[in-house]
Amino acid sequence: NDDEKMFFLGGIDAWRMIVNSDYSAPLYPKKEYPRSETVDFQRGEVEWKEGNLYFDNWDYDMDIEYLSFDATDKF
């Protein structure tokens, strides 16, 4: 996507991590209860049979896997 390429490679600072390629998109599988975050989905969504679990009701850990980058690769 040329728009994403320009945004992420055209001046954004080096400490940003790309996590989203869209925003406000529907979830799959579809949630049964209202979403905690309706815009940019930075923290994920959790629900169970009795309802949505908002951010203050659960915790998470994130592992990052760094991929090698070959400067000769085409975007």
PDB file of N, CA and C in Angstrom:
ATOM      1  N   ASN A   1       0.846  -1.173   0.000  1.00  0.00           N
ATOM      2  CA  ASN A   1       0.000   0.000   0.000  1.00  0.00           C
ATOM      3  C   ASN A   1       0.893   1.238   0.000  1.00  0.00           C
ATOM      4  N   ASP A   2       0.798   2.032  -1.010  1.00  0.00           N
ATOM      5  CA  ASP A   2       1.665   3.212  -1.146  1.00  0.00           C
ATOM      6  C   ASP A   2       1.433   4.246  -0.049  1.00  0.00           C
ATOM      7  N   ASP A   3       0.194   4.401   0.408  1.00  0.00           N
ATOM      8  CA  ASP A   3      -0.084   5.358   1.487  1.00  0.00           C
ATOM      9  C   ASP A   3       0.614   4.950   2.780  1.00  0.00           C
ATOM     10  N   GLU A   4       0.556   3.651   3.118  1.00  0.00           N
ATOM     11  CA  GLU A   4       1.240   3.163   4.320  1.00  0.00           C
ATOM     12  C   GLU A   4       2.747   3.312   4.176  1.00  0.00           C
ATOM     13  N   LYS A   5       3.260   2.976   3.023  1.00  0.00           N
ATOM     14  CA  LYS A   5       4.701   3.102   2.780  1.00  0.00           C
ATOM     15  C   LYS A   5       5.159   4.539   3.004  1.00  0.00           C
ATOM     16  N   MET A   6       4.447   5.499   2.448  1.00  0.00           N
ATOM     17  CA  MET A   6       4.819   6.904   2.598  1.00  0.00           C
ATOM     18  C   MET A   6       4.712   7.345   4.058  1.00  0.00           C
ATOM     19  N   PHE A   7       3.671   6.904   4.748  1.00  0.00           N
ATOM     20  CA  PHE A   7       3.496   7.304   6.142  1.00  0.00           C
ATOM     21  C   PHE A   7       4.616   6.757   7.024  1.00  0.00           C
ATOM     22  N   PHE A   8       4.890   5.460   6.925  1.00  0.00           N
ATOM     23  CA  PHE A   8       5.845   4.839   7.830  1.00  0.00           C
ATOM     24  C   PHE A   8       7.301   5.031   7.419  1.00  0.00           C
ATOM     25  N   LEU A   9       7.561   5.282   6.173  1.00  0.00           N
ATOM     26  CA  LEU A   9       8.945   5.449   5.726  1.00  0.00           C
ATOM     27  C   LEU A   9       9.274   6.893   5.369  1.00  0.00           C
ATOM     28  N   GLY A  10       8.318   7.787   5.496  1.00  0.00           N
ATOM     29  CA  GLY A  10       8.517   9.154   5.058  1.00  0.00           C
ATOM     30  C   GLY A  10       8.634  10.163   6.174  1.00  0.00           C
ATOM     31  N   GLY A  11       9.383   9.857   7.220  1.00  0.00           N
ATOM     32  CA  GLY A  11       9.623  10.866   8.238  1.00  0.00           C
ATOM     33  C   GLY A  11       9.144  10.519   9.633  1.00  0.00           C
ATOM     34  N   ILE A  12       8.513   9.388   9.821  1.00  0.00           N
ATOM     35  CA  ILE A  12       8.084   9.003  11.165  1.00  0.00           C
ATOM     36  C   ILE A  12       9.325   8.667  11.998  1.00  0.00           C
ATOM     37  N   ASP A  13       9.275   8.962  13.287  1.00  0.00           N
ATOM     38  CA  ASP A  13      10.477   8.737  14.096  1.00  0.00           C
ATOM     39  C   ASP A  13      10.791   7.251  14.233  1.00  0.00           C
ATOM     40  N   ALA A  14      12.038   6.952  14.547  1.00  0.00           N
ATOM     41  CA  ALA A  14      12.539   5.575  14.550  1.00  0.00           C
ATOM     42  C   ALA A  14      11.993   4.716  15.674  1.00  0.00           C
ATOM     43  N   TRP A  15      11.344   5.293  16.667  1.00  0.00           N
ATOM     44  CA  TRP A  15      10.884   4.530  17.824  1.00  0.00           C
ATOM     45  C   TRP A  15       9.441   4.055  17.689  1.00  0.00           C
ATOM     46  N   ARG A  16       8.808   4.297  16.582  1.00  0.00           N
ATOM     47  CA  ARG A  16       7.421   3.863  16.391  1.00  0.00           C
ATOM     48  C   ARG A  16       7.386   2.424  15.900  1.00  0.00           C
ATOM     49  N   MET A  17       6.370   1.705  16.330  1.00  0.00           N
ATOM     50  CA  MET A  17       6.174   0.330  15.893  1.00  0.00           C
ATOM     51  C   MET A  17       4.876   0.272  15.083  1.00  0.00           C
ATOM     52  N   ILE A  18       4.936  -0.297  13.910  1.00  0.00           N
ATOM     53  CA  ILE A  18       3.759  -0.417  13.061  1.00  0.00           C
ATOM     54  C   ILE A  18       2.913  -1.577  13.566  1.00  0.00           C
ATOM     55  N   VAL A  19       1.677  -1.291  13.958  1.00  0.00           N
ATOM     56  CA  VAL A  19       0.797  -2.361  14.424  1.00  0.00           C
ATOM     57  C   VAL A  19      -0.537  -2.393  13.687  1.00  0.00           C
ATOM     58  N   ASN A  20      -0.921  -1.325  13.063  1.00  0.00           N
ATOM     59  CA  ASN A  20      -2.224  -1.262  12.401  1.00  0.00           C
ATOM     60  C   ASN A  20      -2.071  -0.902  10.934  1.00  0.00           C
ATOM     61  N   SER A  21      -2.877  -1.532  10.104  1.00  0.00           N
ATOM     62  CA  SER A  21      -2.922  -1.141   8.702  1.00  0.00           C
ATOM     63  C   SER A  21      -4.281  -0.538   8.352  1.00  0.00           C
ATOM     64  N   ASP A  22      -5.163  -0.430   9.357  1.00  0.00           N
ATOM     65  CA  ASP A  22      -6.485   0.139   9.151  1.00  0.00           C
ATOM     66  C   ASP A  22      -7.012   0.601  10.503  1.00  0.00           C
ATOM     67  N   TYR A  23      -8.182   1.199  10.531  1.00  0.00           N
ATOM     68  CA  TYR A  23      -8.780   1.614  11.797  1.00  0.00           C
ATOM     69  C   TYR A  23     -10.295   1.476  11.713  1.00  0.00           C
ATOM     70  N   SER A  24     -10.911   1.282  12.872  1.00  0.00           N
ATOM     71  CA  SER A  24     -12.370   1.124  12.997  1.00  0.00           C
ATOM     72  C   SER A  24     -12.935   0.004  12.128  1.00  0.00           C
ATOM     73  N   ALA A  25     -12.131  -0.994  11.847  1.00  0.00           N
ATOM     74  CA  ALA A  25     -12.586  -2.114  11.023  1.00  0.00           C
ATOM     75  C   ALA A  25     -13.339  -3.128  11.884  1.00  0.00           C
ATOM     76  N   PRO A  26     -14.212  -3.917  11.281  1.00  0.00           N
ATOM     77  CA  PRO A  26     -14.916  -4.946  12.047  1.00  0.00           C
ATOM     78  C   PRO A  26     -13.938  -6.023  12.521  1.00  0.00           C
ATOM     79  N   LEU A  27     -14.262  -6.651  13.627  1.00  0.00           N
ATOM     80  CA  LEU A  27     -13.428  -7.719  14.166  1.00  0.00           C
ATOM     81  C   LEU A  27     -13.918  -9.070  13.653  1.00  0.00           C
ATOM     82  N   TYR A  28     -12.997 -10.025  13.569  1.00  0.00           N
ATOM     83  CA  TYR A  28     -13.354 -11.390  13.213  1.00  0.00           C
ATOM     84  C   TYR A  28     -12.678 -12.329  14.185  1.00  0.00           C
ATOM     85  N   PRO A  29     -13.413 -13.185  14.882  1.00  0.00           N
ATOM     86  CA  PRO A  29     -14.868 -13.249  14.833  1.00  0.00           C
ATOM     87  C   PRO A  29     -15.501 -12.004  15.445  1.00  0.00           C
ATOM     88  N   LYS A  30     -16.720 -11.725  15.016  1.00  0.00           N
ATOM     89  CA  LYS A  30     -17.444 -10.542  15.470  1.00  0.00           C
ATOM     90  C   LYS A  30     -17.671 -10.605  16.979  1.00  0.00           C
ATOM     91  N   LYS A  31     -17.520  -9.463  17.646  1.00  0.00           N
ATOM     92  CA  LYS A  31     -17.807  -9.398  19.079  1.00  0.00           C
ATOM     93  C   LYS A  31     -19.311  -9.378  19.303  1.00  0.00           C
ATOM     94  N   GLU A  32     -19.727  -9.947  20.422  1.00  0.00           N
ATOM     95  CA  GLU A  32     -21.139  -9.933  20.798  1.00  0.00           C
ATOM     96  C   GLU A  32     -21.489  -8.685  21.599  1.00  0.00           C
ATOM     97  N   TYR A  33     -20.510  -8.103  22.261  1.00  0.00           N
ATOM     98  CA  TYR A  33     -20.735  -6.960  23.146  1.00  0.00           C
ATOM     99  C   TYR A  33     -20.005  -5.734  22.602  1.00  0.00           C
ATOM    100  N   PRO A  34     -20.363  -4.538  23.069  1.00  0.00           N
ATOM    101  CA  PRO A  34     -19.698  -3.323  22.571  1.00  0.00           C
ATOM    102  C   PRO A  34     -18.183  -3.369  22.774  1.00  0.00           C
ATOM    103  N   ARG A  35     -17.466  -2.807  21.821  1.00  0.00           N
ATOM    104  CA  ARG A  35     -16.007  -2.788  21.881  1.00  0.00           C
ATOM    105  C   ARG A  35     -15.515  -1.808  22.937  1.00  0.00           C
ATOM    106  N   SER A  36     -14.363  -2.112  23.515  1.00  0.00           N
ATOM    107  CA  SER A  36     -13.713  -1.199  24.457  1.00  0.00           C
ATOM    108  C   SER A  36     -13.075  -0.035  23.712  1.00  0.00           C
ATOM    109  N   GLU A  37     -12.504  -0.315  22.570  1.00  0.00           N
ATOM    110  CA  GLU A  37     -11.785   0.683  21.771  1.00  0.00           C
ATOM    111  C   GLU A  37     -12.366   0.654  20.365  1.00  0.00           C
ATOM    112  N   THR A  38     -12.978   1.734  19.948  1.00  0.00           N
ATOM    113  CA  THR A  38     -13.672   1.738  18.656  1.00  0.00           C
ATOM    114  C   THR A  38     -12.862   2.356  17.521  1.00  0.00           C
ATOM    115  N   VAL A  39     -11.672   2.873  17.818  1.00  0.00           N
ATOM    116  CA  VAL A  39     -10.951   3.603  16.782  1.00  0.00           C
ATOM    117  C   VAL A  39      -9.689   2.876  16.328  1.00  0.00           C
ATOM    118  N   ASP A  40      -8.628   2.872  17.141  1.00  0.00           N
ATOM    119  CA  ASP A  40      -7.344   2.400  16.621  1.00  0.00           C
ATOM    120  C   ASP A  40      -6.849   1.080  17.190  1.00  0.00           C
ATOM    121  N   PHE A  41      -7.606   0.447  18.072  1.00  0.00           N
ATOM    122  CA  PHE A  41      -7.358  -0.947  18.447  1.00  0.00           C
ATOM    123  C   PHE A  41      -5.923  -1.187  18.932  1.00  0.00           C
ATOM    124  N   GLN A  42      -5.432  -0.352  19.840  1.00  0.00           N
ATOM    125  CA  GLN A  42      -4.053  -0.487  20.304  1.00  0.00           C
ATOM    126  C   GLN A  42      -3.867  -1.570  21.357  1.00  0.00           C
ATOM    127  N   ARG A  43      -4.918  -1.905  22.094  1.00  0.00           N
ATOM    128  CA  ARG A  43      -4.743  -2.843  23.205  1.00  0.00           C
ATOM    129  C   ARG A  43      -5.510  -4.145  23.056  1.00  0.00           C
ATOM    130  N   GLY A  44      -6.212  -4.342  22.006  1.00  0.00           N
ATOM    131  CA  GLY A  44      -6.948  -5.580  21.812  1.00  0.00           C
ATOM    132  C   GLY A  44      -8.314  -5.559  22.471  1.00  0.00           C
ATOM    133  N   GLU A  45      -9.061  -6.618  22.271  1.00  0.00           N
ATOM    134  CA  GLU A  45     -10.412  -6.747  22.804  1.00  0.00           C
ATOM    135  C   GLU A  45     -10.555  -8.115  23.449  1.00  0.00           C
ATOM    136  N   VAL A  46     -11.239  -8.157  24.586  1.00  0.00           N
ATOM    137  CA  VAL A  46     -11.497  -9.419  25.275  1.00  0.00           C
ATOM    138  C   VAL A  46     -12.947  -9.415  25.729  1.00  0.00           C
ATOM    139  N   GLU A  47     -13.638 -10.525  25.488  1.00  0.00           N
ATOM    140  CA  GLU A  47     -14.987 -10.679  26.016  1.00  0.00           C
ATOM    141  C   GLU A  47     -15.198 -12.142  26.379  1.00  0.00           C
ATOM    142  N   TRP A  48     -16.215 -12.378  27.178  1.00  0.00           N
ATOM    143  CA  TRP A  48     -16.588 -13.738  27.535  1.00  0.00           C
ATOM    144  C   TRP A  48     -18.099 -13.816  27.540  1.00  0.00           C
ATOM    145  N   LYS A  49     -18.658 -14.965  27.928  1.00  0.00           N
ATOM    146  CA  LYS A  49     -20.096 -15.192  27.775  1.00  0.00           C
ATOM    147  C   LYS A  49     -20.963 -14.184  28.516  1.00  0.00           C
ATOM    148  N   GLU A  50     -20.428 -13.499  29.518  1.00  0.00           N
ATOM    149  CA  GLU A  50     -21.224 -12.540  30.289  1.00  0.00           C
ATOM    150  C   GLU A  50     -20.947 -11.085  29.925  1.00  0.00           C
ATOM    151  N   GLY A  51     -20.106 -10.839  28.944  1.00  0.00           N
ATOM    152  CA  GLY A  51     -19.923  -9.459  28.519  1.00  0.00           C
ATOM    153  C   GLY A  51     -18.510  -9.111  28.096  1.00  0.00           C
ATOM    154  N   ASN A  52     -18.339  -7.846  27.781  1.00  0.00           N
ATOM    155  CA  ASN A  52     -17.046  -7.306  27.394  1.00  0.00           C
ATOM    156  C   ASN A  52     -16.171  -7.128  28.633  1.00  0.00           C
ATOM    157  N   LEU A  53     -14.885  -7.378  28.495  1.00  0.00           N
ATOM    158  CA  LEU A  53     -13.934  -7.103  29.571  1.00  0.00           C
ATOM    159  C   LEU A  53     -13.150  -5.858  29.180  1.00  0.00           C
ATOM    160  N   TYR A  54     -13.408  -4.763  29.862  1.00  0.00           N
ATOM    161  CA  TYR A  54     -12.708  -3.519  29.566  1.00  0.00           C
ATOM    162  C   TYR A  54     -11.265  -3.598  30.048  1.00  0.00           C
ATOM    163  N   PHE A  55     -10.446  -2.671  29.608  1.00  0.00           N
ATOM    164  CA  PHE A  55      -8.998  -2.728  29.824  1.00  0.00           C
ATOM    165  C   PHE A  55      -8.591  -2.880  31.281  1.00  0.00           C
ATOM    166  N   ASP A  56      -9.361  -2.332  32.200  1.00  0.00           N
ATOM    167  CA  ASP A  56      -8.997  -2.431  33.615  1.00  0.00           C
ATOM    168  C   ASP A  56      -9.351  -3.786  34.218  1.00  0.00           C
ATOM    169  N   ASN A  57      -9.930  -4.703  33.425  1.00  0.00           N
ATOM    170  CA  ASN A  57     -10.310  -6.025  33.917  1.00  0.00           C
ATOM    171  C   ASN A  57      -9.414  -7.147  33.416  1.00  0.00           C
ATOM    172  N   TRP A  58      -8.373  -6.828  32.674  1.00  0.00           N
ATOM    173  CA  TRP A  58      -7.458  -7.855  32.191  1.00  0.00           C
ATOM    174  C   TRP A  58      -6.091  -7.249  31.931  1.00  0.00           C
ATOM    175  N   ASP A  59      -5.106  -8.108  31.793  1.00  0.00           N
ATOM    176  CA  ASP A  59      -3.727  -7.680  31.588  1.00  0.00           C
ATOM    177  C   ASP A  59      -3.140  -8.495  30.442  1.00  0.00           C
ATOM    178  N   TYR A  60      -2.060  -8.041  29.886  1.00  0.00           N
ATOM    179  CA  TYR A  60      -1.434  -8.742  28.778  1.00  0.00           C
ATOM    180  C   TYR A  60       0.067  -8.505  28.791  1.00  0.00           C
ATOM    181  N   ASP A  61       0.786  -9.366  28.111  1.00  0.00           N
ATOM    182  CA  ASP A  61       2.218  -9.218  27.865  1.00  0.00           C
ATOM    183  C   ASP A  61       2.413  -9.235  26.359  1.00  0.00           C
ATOM    184  N   MET A  62       3.410  -8.513  25.902  1.00  0.00           N
ATOM    185  CA  MET A  62       3.676  -8.459  24.471  1.00  0.00           C
ATOM    186  C   MET A  62       5.104  -8.909  24.213  1.00  0.00           C
ATOM    187  N   ASP A  63       5.251  -9.848  23.316  1.00  0.00           N
ATOM    188  CA  ASP A  63       6.564 -10.275  22.855  1.00  0.00           C
ATOM    189  C   ASP A  63       6.740  -9.754  21.439  1.00  0.00           C
ATOM    190  N   ILE A  64       7.890  -9.182  21.171  1.00  0.00           N
ATOM    191  CA  ILE A  64       8.167  -8.636  19.847  1.00  0.00           C
ATOM    192  C   ILE A  64       9.231  -9.486  19.182  1.00  0.00           C
ATOM    193  N   GLU A  65       8.957  -9.921  17.988  1.00  0.00           N
ATOM    194  CA  GLU A  65       9.919 -10.681  17.209  1.00  0.00           C
ATOM    195  C   GLU A  65      10.469  -9.762  16.127  1.00  0.00           C
ATOM    196  N   TYR A  66      11.749  -9.485  16.192  1.00  0.00           N
ATOM    197  CA  TYR A  66      12.376  -8.613  15.209  1.00  0.00           C
ATOM    198  C   TYR A  66      12.731  -9.421  13.969  1.00  0.00           C
ATOM    199  N   LEU A  67      12.357  -8.919  12.830  1.00  0.00           N
ATOM    200  CA  LEU A  67      12.653  -9.568  11.566  1.00  0.00           C
ATOM    201  C   LEU A  67      13.860  -8.904  10.943  1.00  0.00           C
ATOM    202  N   SER A  68      14.649  -9.682  10.241  1.00  0.00           N
ATOM    203  CA  SER A  68      15.808  -9.092   9.579  1.00  0.00           C
ATOM    204  C   SER A  68      15.332  -8.267   8.390  1.00  0.00           C
ATOM    205  N   PHE A  69      16.103  -7.285   8.045  1.00  0.00           N
ATOM    206  CA  PHE A  69      15.752  -6.387   6.949  1.00  0.00           C
ATOM    207  C   PHE A  69      16.897  -6.356   5.961  1.00  0.00           C
ATOM    208  N   ASP A  70      16.579  -6.627   4.745  1.00  0.00           N
ATOM    209  CA  ASP A  70      17.560  -6.558   3.671  1.00  0.00           C
ATOM    210  C   ASP A  70      17.287  -5.282   2.880  1.00  0.00           C
ATOM    211  N   ALA A  71      18.234  -4.369   2.878  1.00  0.00           N
ATOM    212  CA  ALA A  71      18.049  -3.066   2.237  1.00  0.00           C
ATOM    213  C   ALA A  71      17.798  -3.183   0.739  1.00  0.00           C
ATOM    214  N   THR A  72      18.078  -4.338   0.159  1.00  0.00           N
ATOM    215  CA  THR A  72      17.835  -4.499  -1.275  1.00  0.00           C
ATOM    216  C   THR A  72      16.407  -4.964  -1.562  1.00  0.00           C
ATOM    217  N   ASP A  73      15.651  -5.308  -0.508  1.00  0.00           N
ATOM    218  CA  ASP A  73      14.259  -5.730  -0.707  1.00  0.00           C
ATOM    219  C   ASP A  73      13.432  -4.585  -1.266  1.00  0.00           C
ATOM    220  N   LYS A  74      12.495  -4.915  -2.105  1.00  0.00           N
ATOM    221  CA  LYS A  74      11.553  -3.933  -2.653  1.00  0.00           C
ATOM    222  C   LYS A  74      10.331  -3.886  -1.745  1.00  0.00           C
ATOM    223  N   PHE A  75       9.780  -2.698  -1.561  1.00  0.00           N
ATOM    224  CA  PHE A  75       8.588  -2.560  -0.721  1.00  0.00           C
ATOM    225  C   PHE A  75       7.348  -2.726  -1.537  1.00  0.00           C
TER     226      PHE A  75
END
